[in-house]
Every structure is written in structure tokens, then in C-alpha cells.
Protein backbone atom coordinates (compact mmCIF):
# COMPACT_ATOMS: atom_id res chain seq x y z
CA UNK A 1 -33.25 -15.18 -14.11
CA UNK A 2 -31.33 -13.21 -11.53
CA UNK A 3 -28.88 -14.85 -9.16
CA UNK A 4 -28.84 -13.63 -5.61
CA UNK A 5 -25.64 -14.16 -3.68
CA UNK A 6 -25.84 -14.35 0.05
CA UNK A 7 -22.85 -12.96 1.86
CA UNK A 8 -22.50 -14.21 5.38
CA UNK A 9 -21.02 -11.91 8.01
CA UNK A 10 -17.47 -12.67 9.15
CA UNK A 11 -17.03 -15.02 12.06
CA UNK A 12 -16.74 -13.01 15.24
CA UNK A 13 -13.82 -15.04 16.61
CA UNK A 14 -11.17 -17.28 15.07
CA UNK A 15 -8.88 -19.55 17.06
CA UNK A 16 -5.30 -18.70 16.19
CA UNK A 17 -1.98 -20.32 17.00
CA UNK A 18 -0.80 -20.83 20.59
CA UNK A 19 -4.27 -20.31 22.05
CA UNK A 20 -4.70 -16.73 20.87
CA UNK A 21 -8.08 -15.60 19.57
CA UNK A 22 -8.50 -13.24 16.63
CA UNK A 23 -11.76 -11.35 16.66
CA UNK A 24 -13.62 -9.14 14.23
CA UNK A 25 -13.23 -5.58 15.54
CA UNK A 26 -13.35 -3.16 12.61
CA UNK A 27 -13.09 -0.08 14.81
CA UNK A 28 -9.80 -1.15 16.36
CA UNK A 29 -7.54 -2.11 13.45
CA UNK A 30 -5.94 1.32 12.97
CA UNK A 31 -4.99 1.88 16.61
CA UNK A 32 -3.72 -1.68 17.03
CA UNK A 33 -1.71 -1.49 13.76
CA UNK A 34 -3.03 -4.72 12.23
CA UNK A 35 -4.01 -3.43 8.80
CA UNK A 36 -7.27 -5.38 8.77
CA UNK A 37 -10.48 -5.81 10.78
CA UNK A 38 -9.17 -8.67 12.91
CA UNK A 39 -7.25 -8.06 16.11
CA UNK A 40 -5.99 -10.29 18.88
CA UNK A 41 -8.64 -10.37 21.58
CA UNK A 42 -6.22 -9.72 24.47
CA UNK A 43 -4.86 -6.62 22.70
CA UNK A 44 -8.40 -5.29 22.06
CA UNK A 45 -9.28 -5.77 25.74
CA UNK A 46 -6.15 -3.86 26.80
CA UNK A 47 -6.89 -1.11 24.27
CA UNK A 48 -10.48 -0.76 25.48
CA UNK A 49 -9.24 -0.40 29.06
CA UNK A 50 -6.17 1.83 28.59
CA UNK A 51 -6.51 3.50 25.17
CA UNK A 52 -4.02 4.43 22.47
CA UNK A 53 -1.07 5.24 24.72
CA UNK A 54 1.82 5.83 24.86
CA UNK A 55 2.34 3.83 28.04
CA UNK A 56 5.01 3.41 30.68
CA UNK A 57 6.31 -0.17 30.85
CA UNK A 58 5.11 -1.91 34.01
CA UNK A 59 8.57 -3.34 34.69
CA UNK A 60 11.11 -0.69 33.71
CA UNK A 61 9.12 2.51 33.12
CA UNK A 62 10.27 2.92 29.50
CA UNK A 63 7.75 4.74 27.30
CA UNK A 64 6.21 2.27 24.79
CA UNK A 65 3.58 2.46 22.05
CA UNK A 66 1.44 -0.11 20.25
CA UNK A 67 4.25 -0.45 17.68
CA UNK A 68 6.83 -1.65 20.18
CA UNK A 69 5.04 -3.09 23.20
CA UNK A 70 4.13 -6.67 23.99
CA UNK A 71 0.73 -7.30 25.55
């Protein structure tokens, strides 16, 4: 008798603390520096719109990257 395990796909979105949503986005983890396939939805939306950067801060003009900016 052979057992067959069914593996369900990961949930697309997970509610996280303070109203943030983590979503499954395997193509974005490297650019957004998360180290896994889940990224914060608002950061993925920004990335899809503006890319990898670097960026000029909206307020002061300082050059920032994904490592040191707050979205």
C-alpha cells in the first residue's frame, strides 16, 4: 500500500500584525531582502511600480535603498 501525501499550496495572503498583509510572492523576496517567499504587500506594490532603486527620499532627497528605506 502506497501513501499519497497531498501538499496544499501556500496561502496567498496572511494577515500580519498592525494590519499589514504578508503575501506569497516568490519572485520578489531577493529584491525586497526578506529571505523567504513572503513579502509585505505594500512593499511589493511599491516595488512593482518603482523597481529596485536606489531612490531619492520624497522628503529630504537622500539616496535610499531597500535596505534602509521605510515604505
